[in-house]
C-alpha cells in the first residue's frame, strides 16, 4: 500500500527532492508539500482507493507522513468493506 501511496504522491505533489528520499515517517510538509498539495493528494487518494476522507480526518497531521496516510487509507478501506 505504501508504494501505491508513494506513486500517488509522486504524481500529485511536486516535491523538490522527490518522494523517494522521504522515509515513511518523514514530514511531507517539511519536504515541500503545501496545503493546496494536500487537498490535491486527498482527492487523488480518494479516487485511487475508492474511499472518502470524513471531516474528522481532514487535518494536517494525517497528511504529514506516508505512514499516517497509509494508516488512514487502511482504516477507511476496512470501514468500506464492513459497511
PDB file of N, CA and C in Angstrom:
ATOM      1  N   UNK A   1       0.823  -1.197   0.000  1.00  0.00           N
ATOM      2  CA  UNK A   1       0.000   0.000   0.000  1.00  0.00           C
ATOM      3  C   UNK A   1       0.866   1.259   0.000  1.00  0.00           C
ATOM      4  N   UNK A   2       1.954   1.238   0.795  1.00  0.00           N
ATOM      5  CA  UNK A   2       2.792   2.438   0.870  1.00  0.00           C
ATOM      6  C   UNK A   2       3.403   2.775  -0.495  1.00  0.00           C
ATOM      7  N   UNK A   3       3.721   1.746  -1.284  1.00  0.00           N
ATOM      8  CA  UNK A   3       4.272   2.025  -2.616  1.00  0.00           C
ATOM      9  C   UNK A   3       3.222   2.712  -3.493  1.00  0.00           C
ATOM     10  N   UNK A   4       1.987   2.276  -3.388  1.00  0.00           N
ATOM     11  CA  UNK A   4       0.909   2.925  -4.147  1.00  0.00           C
ATOM     12  C   UNK A   4       0.739   4.367  -3.698  1.00  0.00           C
ATOM     13  N   UNK A   5       0.813   4.585  -2.399  1.00  0.00           N
ATOM     14  CA  UNK A   5       0.691   5.950  -1.868  1.00  0.00           C
ATOM     15  C   UNK A   5       1.859   6.804  -2.352  1.00  0.00           C
ATOM     16  N   UNK A   6       3.048   6.239  -2.344  1.00  0.00           N
ATOM     17  CA  UNK A   6       4.216   6.982  -2.836  1.00  0.00           C
ATOM     18  C   UNK A   6       4.037   7.387  -4.308  1.00  0.00           C
ATOM     19  N   UNK A   7       3.510   6.463  -5.108  1.00  0.00           N
ATOM     20  CA  UNK A   7       3.298   6.777  -6.528  1.00  0.00           C
ATOM     21  C   UNK A   7       2.271   7.898  -6.676  1.00  0.00           C
ATOM     22  N   UNK A   8       1.208   7.837  -5.896  1.00  0.00           N
ATOM     23  CA  UNK A   8       0.183   8.886  -5.958  1.00  0.00           C
ATOM     24  C   UNK A   8       0.782  10.229  -5.536  1.00  0.00           C
ATOM     25  N   UNK A   9       1.600  10.215  -4.501  1.00  0.00           N
ATOM     26  CA  UNK A   9       2.263  11.452  -4.072  1.00  0.00           C
ATOM     27  C   UNK A   9       3.159  11.973  -5.198  1.00  0.00           C
ATOM     28  N   UNK A  10       3.932  11.085  -5.794  1.00  0.00           N
ATOM     29  CA  UNK A  10       4.842  11.496  -6.874  1.00  0.00           C
ATOM     30  C   UNK A  10       4.076  12.092  -8.050  1.00  0.00           C
ATOM     31  N   UNK A  11       2.894  11.528  -8.338  1.00  0.00           N
ATOM     32  CA  UNK A  11       2.087  12.008  -9.461  1.00  0.00           C
ATOM     33  C   UNK A  11       1.309  13.277  -9.139  1.00  0.00           C
ATOM     34  N   UNK A  12       1.112  13.559  -7.850  1.00  0.00           N
ATOM     35  CA  UNK A  12       0.227  14.649  -7.433  1.00  0.00           C
ATOM     36  C   UNK A  12       0.963  15.856  -6.857  1.00  0.00           C
ATOM     37  N   UNK A  13       2.023  15.585  -6.113  1.00  0.00           N
ATOM     38  CA  UNK A  13       2.714  16.638  -5.371  1.00  0.00           C
ATOM     39  C   UNK A  13       4.125  16.813  -5.925  1.00  0.00           C
ATOM     40  N   UNK A  14       4.478  18.038  -6.226  1.00  0.00           N
ATOM     41  CA  UNK A  14       5.823  18.319  -6.733  1.00  0.00           C
ATOM     42  C   UNK A  14       6.736  18.669  -5.563  1.00  0.00           C
ATOM     43  N   UNK A  15       7.473  17.645  -5.099  1.00  0.00           N
ATOM     44  CA  UNK A  15       8.408  17.852  -4.002  1.00  0.00           C
ATOM     45  C   UNK A  15       9.800  18.110  -4.578  1.00  0.00           C
ATOM     46  N   UNK A  16      10.530  19.088  -4.044  1.00  0.00           N
ATOM     47  CA  UNK A  16      11.839  19.445  -4.601  1.00  0.00           C
ATOM     48  C   UNK A  16      12.800  18.268  -4.718  1.00  0.00           C
ATOM     49  N   UNK A  17      12.816  17.378  -3.728  1.00  0.00           N
ATOM     50  CA  UNK A  17      13.744  16.245  -3.757  1.00  0.00           C
ATOM     51  C   UNK A  17      13.063  14.929  -4.096  1.00  0.00           C
ATOM     52  N   UNK A  18      11.800  14.963  -4.462  1.00  0.00           N
ATOM     53  CA  UNK A  18      11.078  13.746  -4.794  1.00  0.00           C
ATOM     54  C   UNK A  18      10.639  12.981  -3.562  1.00  0.00           C
ATOM     55  N   UNK A  19       9.723  12.065  -3.762  1.00  0.00           N
ATOM     56  CA  UNK A  19       9.159  11.310  -2.633  1.00  0.00           C
ATOM     57  C   UNK A  19      10.048  10.131  -2.236  1.00  0.00           C
ATOM     58  N   UNK A  20      10.904   9.679  -3.121  1.00  0.00           N
ATOM     59  CA  UNK A  20      11.742   8.517  -2.818  1.00  0.00           C
ATOM     60  C   UNK A  20      12.745   8.776  -1.698  1.00  0.00           C
ATOM     61  N   UNK A  21      13.059  10.006  -1.457  1.00  0.00           N
ATOM     62  CA  UNK A  21      14.039  10.343  -0.414  1.00  0.00           C
ATOM     63  C   UNK A  21      13.391  10.565   0.950  1.00  0.00           C
ATOM     64  N   UNK A  22      12.095  10.420   1.008  1.00  0.00           N
ATOM     65  CA  UNK A  22      11.372  10.655   2.256  1.00  0.00           C
ATOM     66  C   UNK A  22      11.040   9.308   2.887  1.00  0.00           C
ATOM     67  N   UNK A  23      11.361   9.169   4.155  1.00  0.00           N
ATOM     68  CA  UNK A  23      11.021   7.933   4.860  1.00  0.00           C
ATOM     69  C   UNK A  23       9.520   7.895   5.117  1.00  0.00           C
ATOM     70  N   UNK A  24       9.028   6.747   5.512  1.00  0.00           N
ATOM     71  CA  UNK A  24       7.601   6.627   5.799  1.00  0.00           C
ATOM     72  C   UNK A  24       7.160   7.575   6.906  1.00  0.00           C
ATOM     73  N   UNK A  25       8.076   7.904   7.812  1.00  0.00           N
ATOM     74  CA  UNK A  25       7.732   8.808   8.909  1.00  0.00           C
ATOM     75  C   UNK A  25       8.230  10.235   8.673  1.00  0.00           C
ATOM     76  N   UNK A  26       8.807  10.476   7.500  1.00  0.00           N
ATOM     77  CA  UNK A  26       9.294  11.817   7.170  1.00  0.00           C
ATOM     78  C   UNK A  26       8.143  12.784   6.930  1.00  0.00           C
ATOM     79  N   UNK A  27       8.337  14.027   7.309  1.00  0.00           N
ATOM     80  CA  UNK A  27       7.275  15.033   7.214  1.00  0.00           C
ATOM     81  C   UNK A  27       7.188  15.579   5.783  1.00  0.00           C
ATOM     82  N   UNK A  28       6.046  15.330   5.153  1.00  0.00           N
ATOM     83  CA  UNK A  28       5.849  15.779   3.768  1.00  0.00           C
ATOM     84  C   UNK A  28       5.795  17.298   3.665  1.00  0.00           C
ATOM     85  N   UNK A  29       5.303  17.957   4.712  1.00  0.00           N
ATOM     86  CA  UNK A  29       5.263  19.426   4.683  1.00  0.00           C
ATOM     87  C   UNK A  29       6.676  19.997   4.770  1.00  0.00           C
ATOM     88  N   UNK A  30       7.514  19.383   5.598  1.00  0.00           N
ATOM     89  CA  UNK A  30       8.911  19.822   5.672  1.00  0.00           C
ATOM     90  C   UNK A  30       9.622  19.580   4.339  1.00  0.00           C
ATOM     91  N   UNK A  31       9.150  18.578   3.584  1.00  0.00           N
ATOM     92  CA  UNK A  31       9.750  18.254   2.280  1.00  0.00           C
ATOM     93  C   UNK A  31       9.238  19.151   1.163  1.00  0.00           C
ATOM     94  N   UNK A  32       8.286  20.033   1.486  1.00  0.00           N
ATOM     95  CA  UNK A  32       7.825  20.993   0.481  1.00  0.00           C
ATOM     96  C   UNK A  32       6.365  20.908   0.093  1.00  0.00           C
ATOM     97  N   UNK A  33       5.607  19.989   0.676  1.00  0.00           N
ATOM     98  CA  UNK A  33       4.188  19.902   0.337  1.00  0.00           C
ATOM     99  C   UNK A  33       3.438  21.087   0.939  1.00  0.00           C
ATOM    100  N   UNK A  34       2.540  21.652   0.160  1.00  0.00           N
ATOM    101  CA  UNK A  34       1.731  22.776   0.637  1.00  0.00           C
ATOM    102  C   UNK A  34       0.337  22.285   1.036  1.00  0.00           C
ATOM    103  N   UNK A  35      -0.435  23.163   1.633  1.00  0.00           N
ATOM    104  CA  UNK A  35      -1.816  22.819   1.997  1.00  0.00           C
ATOM    105  C   UNK A  35      -2.628  22.510   0.744  1.00  0.00           C
ATOM    106  N   UNK A  36      -2.405  23.275  -0.305  1.00  0.00           N
ATOM    107  CA  UNK A  36      -3.102  23.017  -1.572  1.00  0.00           C
ATOM    108  C   UNK A  36      -2.723  21.637  -2.106  1.00  0.00           C
ATOM    109  N   UNK A  37      -1.439  21.298  -2.030  1.00  0.00           N
ATOM    110  CA  UNK A  37      -0.987  19.969  -2.454  1.00  0.00           C
ATOM    111  C   UNK A  37      -1.699  18.875  -1.667  1.00  0.00           C
ATOM    112  N   UNK A  38      -1.887  19.087  -0.375  1.00  0.00           N
ATOM    113  CA  UNK A  38      -2.513  18.050   0.451  1.00  0.00           C
ATOM    114  C   UNK A  38      -3.965  17.827   0.039  1.00  0.00           C
ATOM    115  N   UNK A  39      -4.647  18.885  -0.379  1.00  0.00           N
ATOM    116  CA  UNK A  39      -6.022  18.733  -0.877  1.00  0.00           C
ATOM    117  C   UNK A  39      -6.008  17.929  -2.181  1.00  0.00           C
ATOM    118  N   UNK A  40      -5.086  18.244  -3.069  1.00  0.00           N
ATOM    119  CA  UNK A  40      -4.972  17.504  -4.321  1.00  0.00           C
ATOM    120  C   UNK A  40      -4.629  16.036  -4.044  1.00  0.00           C
ATOM    121  N   UNK A  41      -3.747  15.811  -3.078  1.00  0.00           N
ATOM    122  CA  UNK A  41      -3.373  14.453  -2.687  1.00  0.00           C
ATOM    123  C   UNK A  41      -4.579  13.704  -2.122  1.00  0.00           C
ATOM    124  N   UNK A  42      -5.343  14.362  -1.272  1.00  0.00           N
ATOM    125  CA  UNK A  42      -6.532  13.726  -0.699  1.00  0.00           C
ATOM    126  C   UNK A  42      -7.489  13.286  -1.808  1.00  0.00           C
ATOM    127  N   UNK A  43      -7.733  14.146  -2.772  1.00  0.00           N
ATOM    128  CA  UNK A  43      -8.640  13.808  -3.871  1.00  0.00           C
ATOM    129  C   UNK A  43      -8.099  12.640  -4.695  1.00  0.00           C
ATOM    130  N   UNK A  44      -6.810  12.637  -4.934  1.00  0.00           N
ATOM    131  CA  UNK A  44      -6.192  11.542  -5.697  1.00  0.00           C
ATOM    132  C   UNK A  44      -6.276  10.222  -4.931  1.00  0.00           C
ATOM    133  N   UNK A  45      -6.066  10.277  -3.624  1.00  0.00           N
ATOM    134  CA  UNK A  45      -6.177   9.063  -2.805  1.00  0.00           C
ATOM    135  C   UNK A  45      -7.610   8.548  -2.809  1.00  0.00           C
ATOM    136  N   UNK A  46      -8.572   9.446  -2.709  1.00  0.00           N
ATOM    137  CA  UNK A  46      -9.976   9.030  -2.738  1.00  0.00           C
ATOM    138  C   UNK A  46     -10.304   8.334  -4.057  1.00  0.00           C
ATOM    139  N   UNK A  47      -9.848   8.893  -5.147  1.00  0.00           N
ATOM    140  CA  UNK A  47     -10.094   8.284  -6.459  1.00  0.00           C
ATOM    141  C   UNK A  47      -9.400   6.927  -6.580  1.00  0.00           C
ATOM    142  N   UNK A  48      -8.158   6.864  -6.151  1.00  0.00           N
ATOM    143  CA  UNK A  48      -7.372   5.643  -6.318  1.00  0.00           C
ATOM    144  C   UNK A  48      -7.883   4.481  -5.476  1.00  0.00           C
ATOM    145  N   UNK A  49      -8.317   4.785  -4.266  1.00  0.00           N
ATOM    146  CA  UNK A  49      -8.707   3.719  -3.345  1.00  0.00           C
ATOM    147  C   UNK A  49     -10.216   3.590  -3.167  1.00  0.00           C
ATOM    148  N   UNK A  50     -10.995   4.418  -3.824  1.00  0.00           N
ATOM    149  CA  UNK A  50     -12.451   4.330  -3.707  1.00  0.00           C
ATOM    150  C   UNK A  50     -12.940   4.614  -2.299  1.00  0.00           C
ATOM    151  N   UNK A  51     -12.331   5.613  -1.668  1.00  0.00           N
ATOM    152  CA  UNK A  51     -12.689   5.970  -0.290  1.00  0.00           C
ATOM    153  C   UNK A  51     -13.065   7.438  -0.251  1.00  0.00           C
ATOM    154  N   UNK A  52     -13.571   7.872   0.915  1.00  0.00           N
ATOM    155  CA  UNK A  52     -13.832   9.300   1.121  1.00  0.00           C
ATOM    156  C   UNK A  52     -13.371   9.648   2.532  1.00  0.00           C
ATOM    157  N   UNK A  53     -12.484  10.615   2.610  1.00  0.00           N
ATOM    158  CA  UNK A  53     -11.995  11.041   3.918  1.00  0.00           C
ATOM    159  C   UNK A  53     -13.091  11.821   4.634  1.00  0.00           C
ATOM    160  N   UNK A  54     -13.506  11.372   5.823  1.00  0.00           N
ATOM    161  CA  UNK A  54     -14.518  12.122   6.574  1.00  0.00           C
ATOM    162  C   UNK A  54     -13.913  13.388   7.183  1.00  0.00           C
ATOM    163  N   UNK A  55     -14.760  14.318   7.568  1.00  0.00           N
ATOM    164  CA  UNK A  55     -14.308  15.600   8.110  1.00  0.00           C
ATOM    165  C   UNK A  55     -13.382  15.419   9.306  1.00  0.00           C
ATOM    166  N   UNK A  56     -13.644  14.379  10.123  1.00  0.00           N
ATOM    167  CA  UNK A  56     -12.808  14.176  11.317  1.00  0.00           C
ATOM    168  C   UNK A  56     -11.347  13.868  10.965  1.00  0.00           C
ATOM    169  N   UNK A  57     -11.095  13.434   9.746  1.00  0.00           N
ATOM    170  CA  UNK A  57      -9.729  13.084   9.342  1.00  0.00           C
ATOM    171  C   UNK A  57      -9.027  14.201   8.574  1.00  0.00           C
ATOM    172  N   UNK A  58      -9.740  15.248   8.283  1.00  0.00           N
ATOM    173  CA  UNK A  58      -9.142  16.309   7.458  1.00  0.00           C
ATOM    174  C   UNK A  58      -8.316  17.240   8.336  1.00  0.00           C
ATOM    175  N   UNK A  59      -7.082  16.819   8.570  1.00  0.00           N
ATOM    176  CA  UNK A  59      -6.175  17.642   9.361  1.00  0.00           C
ATOM    177  C   UNK A  59      -4.747  17.482   8.844  1.00  0.00           C
ATOM    178  N   UNK A  60      -3.926  18.423   9.251  1.00  0.00           N
ATOM    179  CA  UNK A  60      -2.544  18.460   8.768  1.00  0.00           C
ATOM    180  C   UNK A  60      -1.763  17.214   9.189  1.00  0.00           C
ATOM    181  N   UNK A  61      -2.017  16.728  10.402  1.00  0.00           N
ATOM    182  CA  UNK A  61      -1.263  15.585  10.923  1.00  0.00           C
ATOM    183  C   UNK A  61      -1.462  14.353  10.051  1.00  0.00           C
ATOM    184  N   UNK A  62      -2.696  14.102   9.611  1.00  0.00           N
ATOM    185  CA  UNK A  62      -2.958  12.900   8.815  1.00  0.00           C
ATOM    186  C   UNK A  62      -2.144  12.893   7.538  1.00  0.00           C
ATOM    187  N   UNK A  63      -2.033  14.030   6.888  1.00  0.00           N
ATOM    188  CA  UNK A  63      -1.349  14.082   5.599  1.00  0.00           C
ATOM    189  C   UNK A  63       0.137  14.424   5.731  1.00  0.00           C
ATOM    190  N   UNK A  64       0.650  14.465   6.968  1.00  0.00           N
ATOM    191  CA  UNK A  64       2.039  14.871   7.160  1.00  0.00           C
ATOM    192  C   UNK A  64       3.051  13.767   6.858  1.00  0.00           C
ATOM    193  N   UNK A  65       2.634  12.492   6.974  1.00  0.00           N
ATOM    194  CA  UNK A  65       3.587  11.419   6.695  1.00  0.00           C
ATOM    195  C   UNK A  65       2.933  10.304   5.871  1.00  0.00           C
ATOM    196  N   UNK A  66       3.748   9.561   5.193  1.00  0.00           N
ATOM    197  CA  UNK A  66       3.247   8.420   4.417  1.00  0.00           C
ATOM    198  C   UNK A  66       2.667   7.370   5.361  1.00  0.00           C
ATOM    199  N   UNK A  67       3.284   7.183   6.512  1.00  0.00           N
ATOM    200  CA  UNK A  67       2.777   6.207   7.491  1.00  0.00           C
ATOM    201  C   UNK A  67       1.375   6.602   7.964  1.00  0.00           C
ATOM    202  N   UNK A  68       1.157   7.875   8.233  1.00  0.00           N
ATOM    203  CA  UNK A  68      -0.172   8.331   8.678  1.00  0.00           C
ATOM    204  C   UNK A  68      -1.201   8.153   7.564  1.00  0.00           C
ATOM    205  N   UNK A  69      -0.817   8.480   6.354  1.00  0.00           N
ATOM    206  CA  UNK A  69      -1.741   8.329   5.214  1.00  0.00           C
ATOM    207  C   UNK A  69      -2.080   6.852   5.039  1.00  0.00           C
ATOM    208  N   UNK A  70      -1.076   6.001   5.108  1.00  0.00           N
ATOM    209  CA  UNK A  70      -1.282   4.553   4.964  1.00  0.00           C
ATOM    210  C   UNK A  70      -2.268   4.051   6.020  1.00  0.00           C
ATOM    211  N   UNK A  71      -2.090   4.451   7.262  1.00  0.00           N
ATOM    212  CA  UNK A  71      -2.985   4.007   8.339  1.00  0.00           C
ATOM    213  C   UNK A  71      -4.415   4.485   8.085  1.00  0.00           C
ATOM    214  N   UNK A  72      -4.562   5.712   7.636  1.00  0.00           N
ATOM    215  CA  UNK A  72      -5.900   6.262   7.379  1.00  0.00           C
ATOM    216  C   UNK A  72      -6.580   5.544   6.216  1.00  0.00           C
ATOM    217  N   UNK A  73      -5.829   5.305   5.155  1.00  0.00           N
ATOM    218  CA  UNK A  73      -6.414   4.615   3.994  1.00  0.00           C
ATOM    219  C   UNK A  73      -6.825   3.201   4.387  1.00  0.00           C
ATOM    220  N   UNK A  74      -5.971   2.512   5.148  1.00  0.00           N
ATOM    221  CA  UNK A  74      -6.330   1.162   5.605  1.00  0.00           C
ATOM    222  C   UNK A  74      -7.599   1.194   6.450  1.00  0.00           C
ATOM    223  N   UNK A  75      -7.686   2.160   7.346  1.00  0.00           N
ATOM    224  CA  UNK A  75      -8.879   2.279   8.196  1.00  0.00           C
ATOM    225  C   UNK A  75     -10.128   2.517   7.351  1.00  0.00           C
ATOM    226  N   UNK A  76     -10.039   3.418   6.394  1.00  0.00           N
ATOM    227  CA  UNK A  76     -11.205   3.742   5.574  1.00  0.00           C
ATOM    228  C   UNK A  76     -11.588   2.581   4.657  1.00  0.00           C
ATOM    229  N   UNK A  77     -10.601   1.887   4.138  1.00  0.00           N
ATOM    230  CA  UNK A  77     -10.916   0.726   3.285  1.00  0.00           C
ATOM    231  C   UNK A  77     -11.593  -0.365   4.108  1.00  0.00           C
ATOM    232  N   UNK A  78     -11.163  -0.539   5.342  1.00  0.00           N
ATOM    233  CA  UNK A  78     -11.767  -1.536   6.228  1.00  0.00           C
ATOM    234  C   UNK A  78     -13.213  -1.143   6.526  1.00  0.00           C
ATOM    235  N   UNK A  79     -13.447   0.139   6.789  1.00  0.00           N
ATOM    236  CA  UNK A  79     -14.808   0.617   7.052  1.00  0.00           C
ATOM    237  C   UNK A  79     -15.689   0.408   5.834  1.00  0.00           C
ATOM    238  N   UNK A  80     -15.128   0.612   4.654  1.00  0.00           N
ATOM    239  CA  UNK A  80     -15.897   0.457   3.418  1.00  0.00           C
ATOM    240  C   UNK A  80     -16.307  -0.998   3.224  1.00  0.00           C
ATOM    241  N   UNK A  81     -15.393  -1.920   3.525  1.00  0.00           N
ATOM    242  CA  UNK A  81     -15.683  -3.344   3.362  1.00  0.00           C
ATOM    243  C   UNK A  81     -16.747  -3.796   4.356  1.00  0.00           C
ATOM    244  N   UNK A  82     -16.677  -3.274   5.594  1.00  0.00           N
ATOM    245  CA  UNK A  82     -17.622  -3.669   6.636  1.00  0.00           C
ATOM    246  C   UNK A  82     -19.003  -3.076   6.424  1.00  0.00           C
ATOM    247  N   UNK A  83     -19.097  -1.963   5.712  1.00  0.00           N
ATOM    248  CA  UNK A  83     -20.390  -1.282   5.533  1.00  0.00           C
ATOM    249  C   UNK A  83     -21.314  -2.040   4.600  1.00  0.00           C
TER     250      UNK A  83
END
